Amino acid sequence: MASYNRVILVGNLTRDPELRYIPSGAAVSEIGLAVNDRRKTANGEWVEETTFVDVTLWSRTAEIASEYLSKGSSVLIEGRLKIDTS
C-alpha cells in the first residue's frame, strides 16, 4: 500500500519568525501557528477551538518568511507532517 503525507494549514502566526543558519549554510526559520476551528455543538451553541502548531521552514522560504511575516500575520502552510516526540 502506498503512503501519502501532505498537510495544509491556514492560521495566524503566534510569534515573529526566528531565522537562523545551520553550519551547512541553509536557512531555518521556526514559526508558531494558531489554527482556529469553529463548529456547532449538539445543542446548537458555537464552540471555537484553537490548535497550536510549531512549523519549521527551510531555505529561501525561511528567509522570505522572516522578511515579510510577523506576529499575527495570516498564512497558508503546505508541507508534510512530522510529529516530534521529544
Protein backbone atom coordinates (compact mmCIF):
# COMPACT_ATOMS: atom_id res chain seq x y z
CA MET A 1 0.00 0.00 0.00
CA ALA A 2 1.30 3.46 -0.87
CA SER A 3 1.52 6.24 1.69
CA TYR A 4 0.98 9.97 1.37
CA ASN A 5 1.98 12.69 3.84
CA ARG A 6 0.67 16.15 2.98
CA VAL A 7 -0.98 18.79 5.16
CA ILE A 8 -2.41 22.26 4.53
CA LEU A 9 -2.90 24.66 7.46
CA VAL A 10 -4.34 28.18 7.46
CA GLY A 11 -3.88 30.30 10.55
CA ASN A 12 -2.10 33.20 12.21
CA LEU A 13 1.46 33.45 13.48
CA THR A 14 1.77 33.39 17.26
CA ARG A 15 5.25 34.96 17.25
CA ASP A 16 7.74 36.56 14.89
CA PRO A 17 9.71 34.08 12.73
CA GLU A 18 13.11 33.15 14.20
CA LEU A 19 15.66 32.95 11.36
CA ARG A 20 18.98 31.14 11.82
CA TYR A 21 21.55 29.42 9.67
CA ILE A 22 22.82 25.90 10.28
CA PRO A 23 26.53 25.03 9.73
CA SER A 24 25.87 23.88 6.15
CA GLY A 25 24.64 27.42 5.38
CA ALA A 26 20.96 26.55 4.97
CA ALA A 27 18.42 28.96 6.43
CA VAL A 28 15.95 27.65 9.01
CA SER A 29 13.01 29.54 10.49
CA GLU A 30 10.76 28.43 13.31
CA ILE A 31 7.22 29.80 13.45
CA GLY A 32 4.23 29.17 15.67
CA LEU A 33 0.84 28.85 14.03
CA ALA A 34 -2.61 29.15 15.64
CA VAL A 35 -5.34 27.36 13.68
CA ASN A 36 -8.94 28.10 14.71
CA ASP A 37 -11.85 25.70 14.24
CA ARG A 38 -15.43 26.87 14.80
CA ARG A 39 -18.24 24.34 14.98
CA LYS A 40 -21.73 23.90 16.35
CA THR A 41 -22.37 21.57 19.27
CA ALA A 42 -25.33 19.18 19.51
CA ASN A 43 -27.33 21.79 21.46
CA GLY A 44 -26.73 24.49 18.82
CA GLU A 45 -24.02 26.53 20.53
CA TRP A 46 -20.95 27.66 18.61
CA VAL A 47 -17.63 26.48 20.04
CA GLU A 48 -14.24 27.77 18.93
CA GLU A 49 -11.19 25.55 19.36
CA THR A 50 -7.62 26.69 18.71
CA THR A 51 -4.79 24.31 17.81
CA PHE A 52 -1.19 25.50 18.12
CA VAL A 53 1.34 24.05 15.68
CA ASP A 54 5.11 24.57 15.50
CA VAL A 55 6.31 24.83 11.89
CA THR A 56 9.86 24.64 10.52
CA LEU A 57 10.61 26.44 7.27
CA TRP A 58 13.77 25.78 5.23
CA SER A 59 15.98 27.59 2.70
CA ARG A 60 14.59 30.54 0.78
CA THR A 61 11.11 30.02 2.26
CA ALA A 62 12.59 30.61 5.74
CA GLU A 63 14.30 33.81 4.60
CA ILE A 64 11.18 35.17 2.92
CA ALA A 65 9.03 34.37 5.97
CA SER A 66 11.38 36.22 8.32
CA GLU A 67 11.47 39.21 5.95
CA TYR A 68 7.73 39.64 5.32
CA LEU A 69 5.86 37.98 8.20
CA SER A 70 5.38 38.98 11.83
CA LYS A 71 3.24 38.00 14.80
CA GLY A 72 -0.44 37.99 13.79
CA SER A 73 0.19 37.54 10.04
CA SER A 74 -2.25 35.23 8.25
CA VAL A 75 -0.54 32.38 6.41
CA LEU A 76 -1.29 29.22 4.46
CA ILE A 77 1.26 26.47 5.03
CA GLU A 78 1.55 23.39 2.83
CA GLY A 79 4.00 20.65 3.68
CA ARG A 80 4.45 17.30 5.32
CA LEU A 81 3.53 16.35 8.87
CA LYS A 82 6.29 15.21 11.21
CA ILE A 83 5.49 14.52 14.84
CA ASP A 84 8.26 15.47 17.29
CA THR A 85 8.08 13.10 20.23
CA SER A 86 10.85 14.67 22.31
